[in-house]
C-alpha atoms as a PDB file:
ATOM      1  CA  MET A   1      47.160 147.875  80.573  1.00  0.00           C
ATOM      2  CA  LYS A   2      44.232 146.121  82.188  1.00  0.00           C
ATOM      3  CA  ILE A   3      43.073 142.699  81.008  1.00  0.00           C
ATOM      4  CA  SER A   4      39.736 144.107  79.803  1.00  0.00           C
ATOM      5  CA  GLN A   5      41.566 146.672  77.649  1.00  0.00           C
ATOM      6  CA  LEU A   6      43.827 143.938  76.311  1.00  0.00           C
ATOM      7  CA  VAL A   7      40.830 141.776  75.422  1.00  0.00           C
ATOM      8  CA  ARG A   8      39.114 144.719  73.737  1.00  0.00           C
ATOM      9  CA  CYS A   9      42.204 145.580  71.672  1.00  0.00           C
ATOM     10  CA  THR A  10      42.689 141.931  70.702  1.00  0.00           C
ATOM     11  CA  ALA A  11      39.044 141.653  69.632  1.00  0.00           C
ATOM     12  CA  MET A  12      39.300 144.773  67.464  1.00  0.00           C
ATOM     13  CA  LEU A  13      42.488 143.470  65.865  1.00  0.00           C
ATOM     14  CA  LEU A  14      40.888 140.087  65.114  1.00  0.00           C
ATOM     15  CA  ILE A  15      37.823 141.759  63.593  1.00  0.00           C
ATOM     16  CA  ALA A  16      40.016 143.830  61.274  1.00  0.00           C
ATOM     17  CA  ILE A  17      42.050 140.777  60.233  1.00  0.00           C
ATOM     18  CA  LEU A  18      39.012 138.605  59.594  1.00  0.00           C
ATOM     19  CA  LEU A  19      37.243 141.301  57.563  1.00  0.00           C
ATOM     20  CA  GLY A  20      40.366 141.782  55.474  1.00  0.00           C
ATOM     21  CA  ASN A  21      40.525 138.046  54.719  1.00  0.00           C
ATOM     22  CA  ASN A  22      37.046 138.095  53.167  1.00  0.00           C
ATOM     23  CA  PHE A  23      38.189 140.522  50.499  1.00  0.00           C
ATOM     24  CA  SER A  24      41.403 138.682  49.708  1.00  0.00           C
ATOM     25  CA  PHE A  25      39.618 135.351  49.184  1.00  0.00           C
ATOM     26  CA  ALA A  26      37.163 136.666  46.595  1.00  0.00           C
ATOM     27  CA  ALA A  27      36.608 134.351  43.638  1.00  0.00           C
ATOM     28  CA  LYS A  28      39.213 134.810  40.942  1.00  0.00           C
ATOM     29  CA  PRO A  29      38.863 133.477  37.423  1.00  0.00           C
ATOM     30  CA  VAL A  30      40.948 130.366  36.858  1.00  0.00           C
ATOM     31  CA  ASP A  31      42.654 129.530  33.584  1.00  0.00           C
ATOM     32  CA  PRO A  32      41.868 125.959  32.448  1.00  0.00           C
ATOM     33  CA  ALA A  33      45.389 125.665  31.000  1.00  0.00           C
ATOM     34  CA  ARG A  34      46.836 126.440  34.437  1.00  0.00           C
ATOM     35  CA  ILE A  35      44.635 123.756  36.037  1.00  0.00           C
ATOM     36  CA  LYS A  36      45.779 121.260  33.393  1.00  0.00           C
ATOM     37  CA  GLU A  37      49.420 122.099  34.208  1.00  0.00           C
ATOM     38  CA  LYS A  38      48.760 121.451  37.895  1.00  0.00           C
ATOM     39  CA  VAL A  39      47.065 118.125  37.148  1.00  0.00           C
ATOM     40  CA  LEU A  40      49.940 117.066  34.882  1.00  0.00           C
ATOM     41  CA  ALA A  41      52.450 118.117  37.556  1.00  0.00           C
ATOM     42  CA  ARG A  42      50.691 115.896  40.116  1.00  0.00           C
ATOM     43  CA  GLY A  43      50.435 112.933  37.745  1.00  0.00           C
ATOM     44  CA  VAL A  44      48.333 109.773  37.625  1.00  0.00           C
ATOM     45  CA  GLY A  45      48.080 107.899  40.915  1.00  0.00           C
ATOM     46  CA  GLN A  46      48.521 110.959  43.139  1.00  0.00           C
ATOM     47  CA  GLY A  47      46.035 111.975  45.812  1.00  0.00           C
ATOM     48  CA  VAL A  48      44.332 115.323  45.162  1.00  0.00           C
ATOM     49  CA  ARG A  49      41.554 117.557  46.441  1.00  0.00           C
ATOM     50  CA  VAL A  50      39.569 119.083  43.571  1.00  0.00           C
ATOM     51  CA  THR A  51      37.419 122.206  44.074  1.00  0.00           C
ATOM     52  CA  THR A  52      34.852 123.019  41.388  1.00  0.00           C
ATOM     53  CA  ALA A  53      33.103 126.272  40.431  1.00  0.00           C
ATOM     54  CA  ASP A  54      30.011 125.273  42.448  1.00  0.00           C
ATOM     55  CA  LYS A  55      32.212 125.042  45.587  1.00  0.00           C
ATOM     56  CA  THR A  56      32.074 121.229  45.877  1.00  0.00           C
ATOM     57  CA  GLU A  57      35.221 119.374  46.865  1.00  0.00           C
ATOM     58  CA  THR A  58      36.239 115.873  45.904  1.00  0.00           C
ATOM     59  CA  LYS A  59      39.161 113.999  47.435  1.00  0.00           C
ATOM     60  CA  GLY A  60      40.605 111.089  45.558  1.00  0.00           C
ATOM     61  CA  VAL A  61      43.288 109.735  43.251  1.00  0.00           C
ATOM     62  CA  ILE A  62      43.919 110.868  39.676  1.00  0.00           C
ATOM     63  CA  VAL A  63      43.271 107.887  37.392  1.00  0.00           C
ATOM     64  CA  ASN A  64      43.319 109.506  33.936  1.00  0.00           C
ATOM     65  CA  ILE A  65      44.514 112.777  32.392  1.00  0.00           C
ATOM     66  CA  GLY A  66      43.102 113.882  29.033  1.00  0.00           C
ATOM     67  CA  ASP A  67      43.206 116.949  26.776  1.00  0.00           C
ATOM     68  CA  GLN A  68      39.898 118.479  27.958  1.00  0.00           C
ATOM     69  CA  ALA A  69      39.287 116.674  31.270  1.00  0.00           C
ATOM     70  CA  PHE A  70      40.811 114.488  33.944  1.00  0.00           C
ATOM     71  CA  THR A  71      39.350 111.682  36.035  1.00  0.00           C
ATOM     72  CA  VAL A  72      39.515 111.282  39.810  1.00  0.00           C
ATOM     73  CA  LYS A  73      38.442 108.184  41.725  1.00  0.00           C
ATOM     74  CA  PRO A  74      37.034 109.449  45.050  1.00  0.00           C
ATOM     75  CA  LYS A  75      37.980 107.585  48.215  1.00  0.00           C
ATOM     76  CA  GLY A  76      35.475 104.858  48.989  1.00  0.00           C
ATOM     77  CA  ALA A  77      33.587 105.269  45.706  1.00  0.00           C
ATOM     78  CA  ALA A  78      33.195 102.568  43.056  1.00  0.00           C
ATOM     79  CA  GLU A  79      33.086 104.936  40.062  1.00  0.00           C
ATOM     80  CA  ALA A  80      35.524 107.629  39.019  1.00  0.00           C
ATOM     81  CA  GLN A  81      34.428 111.237  38.420  1.00  0.00           C
ATOM     82  CA  GLU A  82      35.427 113.214  35.357  1.00  0.00           C
ATOM     83  CA  PHE A  83      36.218 116.930  35.710  1.00  0.00           C
ATOM     84  CA  GLN A  84      36.477 119.393  32.824  1.00  0.00           C
ATOM     85  CA  TYR A  85      39.443 121.719  33.333  1.00  0.00           C
ATOM     86  CA  ALA A  86      37.139 124.727  32.835  1.00  0.00           C
ATOM     87  CA  GLN A  87      34.888 123.750  35.771  1.00  0.00           C
ATOM     88  CA  VAL A  88      37.751 123.310  38.260  1.00  0.00           C
ATOM     89  CA  THR A  89      38.716 126.300  40.412  1.00  0.00           C
ATOM     90  CA  GLY A  90      41.450 124.613  42.430  1.00  0.00           C
ATOM     91  CA  ILE A  91      43.477 121.447  42.715  1.00  0.00           C
ATOM     92  CA  HIS A  92      45.541 120.769  45.809  1.00  0.00           C
ATOM     93  CA  LYS A  93      47.475 118.035  47.542  1.00  0.00           C
ATOM     94  CA  ASP A  94      45.229 115.622  49.368  1.00  0.00           C
ATOM     95  CA  LYS A  95      47.067 115.870  52.681  1.00  0.00           C
ATOM     96  CA  MET A  96      48.707 118.618  54.677  1.00  0.00           C
ATOM     97  CA  GLY A  97      52.504 118.627  54.486  1.00  0.00           C
ATOM     98  CA  THR A  98      54.749 118.062  57.493  1.00  0.00           C
ATOM     99  CA  GLY A  99      56.080 121.632  57.348  1.00  0.00           C
ATOM    100  CA  THR A 100      52.554 123.044  57.546  1.00  0.00           C
ATOM    101  CA  LYS A 101      51.749 120.845  60.533  1.00  0.00           C
ATOM    102  CA  VAL A 102      54.925 121.963  62.333  1.00  0.00           C
ATOM    103  CA  ILE A 103      54.109 125.643  61.705  1.00  0.00           C
ATOM    104  CA  ILE A 104      50.591 125.192  63.086  1.00  0.00           C
ATOM    105  CA  VAL A 105      51.839 123.444  66.248  1.00  0.00           C
ATOM    106  CA  VAL A 106      54.544 126.075  66.843  1.00  0.00           C
ATOM    107  CA  ALA A 107      52.033 128.918  66.351  1.00  0.00           C
ATOM    108  CA  ILE A 108      49.570 127.355  68.808  1.00  0.00           C
ATOM    109  CA  ALA A 109      52.349 126.818  71.360  1.00  0.00           C
ATOM    110  CA  ALA A 110      53.532 130.430  70.971  1.00  0.00           C
ATOM    111  CA  VAL A 111      50.021 131.779  71.502  1.00  0.00           C
ATOM    112  CA  ALA A 112      49.537 129.561  74.571  1.00  0.00           C
ATOM    113  CA  ILE A 113      52.858 130.693  76.059  1.00  0.00           C
ATOM    114  CA  GLY A 114      52.015 134.337  75.348  1.00  0.00           C
ATOM    115  CA  ILE A 115      48.598 134.117  76.995  1.00  0.00           C
ATOM    116  CA  THR A 116      50.074 132.291  79.996  1.00  0.00           C
ATOM    117  CA  ALA A 117      52.780 134.952  80.372  1.00  0.00           C
ATOM    118  CA  ILE A 118      50.201 137.760  80.277  1.00  0.00           C
ATOM    119  CA  VAL A 119      48.003 136.068  82.889  1.00  0.00           C
ATOM    120  CA  ILE A 120      50.965 135.299  85.173  1.00  0.00           C
ATOM    121  CA  ASP A 121      52.259 138.873  84.841  1.00  0.00           C
ATOM    122  CA  HIS A 122      48.821 140.220  85.708  1.00  0.00           C
ATOM    123  CA  GLU A 123      48.467 137.916  88.721  1.00  0.00           C
ATOM    124  CA  VAL A 124      51.983 138.651  90.008  1.00  0.00           C
ATOM    125  CA  SER A 125      51.575 142.413  89.671  1.00  0.00           C
ATOM    126  CA  ASP A 126      48.239 142.250  91.527  1.00  0.00           C
ATOM    127  CA  GLY A 127      49.825 140.078  94.221  1.00  0.00           C
ATOM    128  CA  LEU A 128      52.756 142.454  94.738  1.00  0.00           C
ATOM    129  CA  LYS A 129      50.386 145.335  95.480  1.00  0.00           C
ATOM    130  CA  ASN A 130      49.187 143.549  98.619  1.00  0.00           C
ATOM    131  CA  ILE A 131      52.671 142.822 100.034  1.00  0.00           C
ATOM    132  CA  THR A 132      53.920 145.132 102.731  1.00  0.00           C
ATOM    133  CA  LEU A 133      57.605 145.147 103.598  1.00  0.00           C
ATOM    134  CA  CYS A 134      57.110 146.504 107.081  1.00  0.00           C
ATOM    135  CA  PRO A 135      54.006 144.976 108.660  1.00  0.00           C
ATOM    136  CA  ASN A 136      52.440 146.997 111.501  1.00  0.00           C
ATOM    137  CA  ASN A 137      55.032 149.789 110.956  1.00  0.00           C
ATOM    138  CA  GLU A 138      57.775 147.816 112.760  1.00  0.00           C
ATOM    139  CA  CYS A 139      60.505 148.997 110.395  1.00  0.00           C
ATOM    140  CA  THR A 140      62.642 151.957 111.441  1.00  0.00           C
END
């Protein structure tokens, strides 16, 4: 397989994957009770990233949990922000976990090794075509 064919096939595969992701990440209705459970599971004093229905994100620390809303103090802000459970579409940990970081690094290394192997294989196979075992027909 030539490099140009490999690039073309890879591009088509990436296009299909990326188009498929758009459909899987469509907005889904979120249950306020489920959001409240997640907030309670995190607890007061924990760092969170809150995503609201209007697609804004706030990173901060939970300072108060109530029946209808919870309060987050954003990093570097003087005042805390109150969020109604019904307006929140997602609540996540503030930072990426160590396991996620390790997976990302391993995946990047695997892709780099794979690309390097393909390029080396291509260069070696092209180089072997030019080698002659018997130069000037001296072999008998």
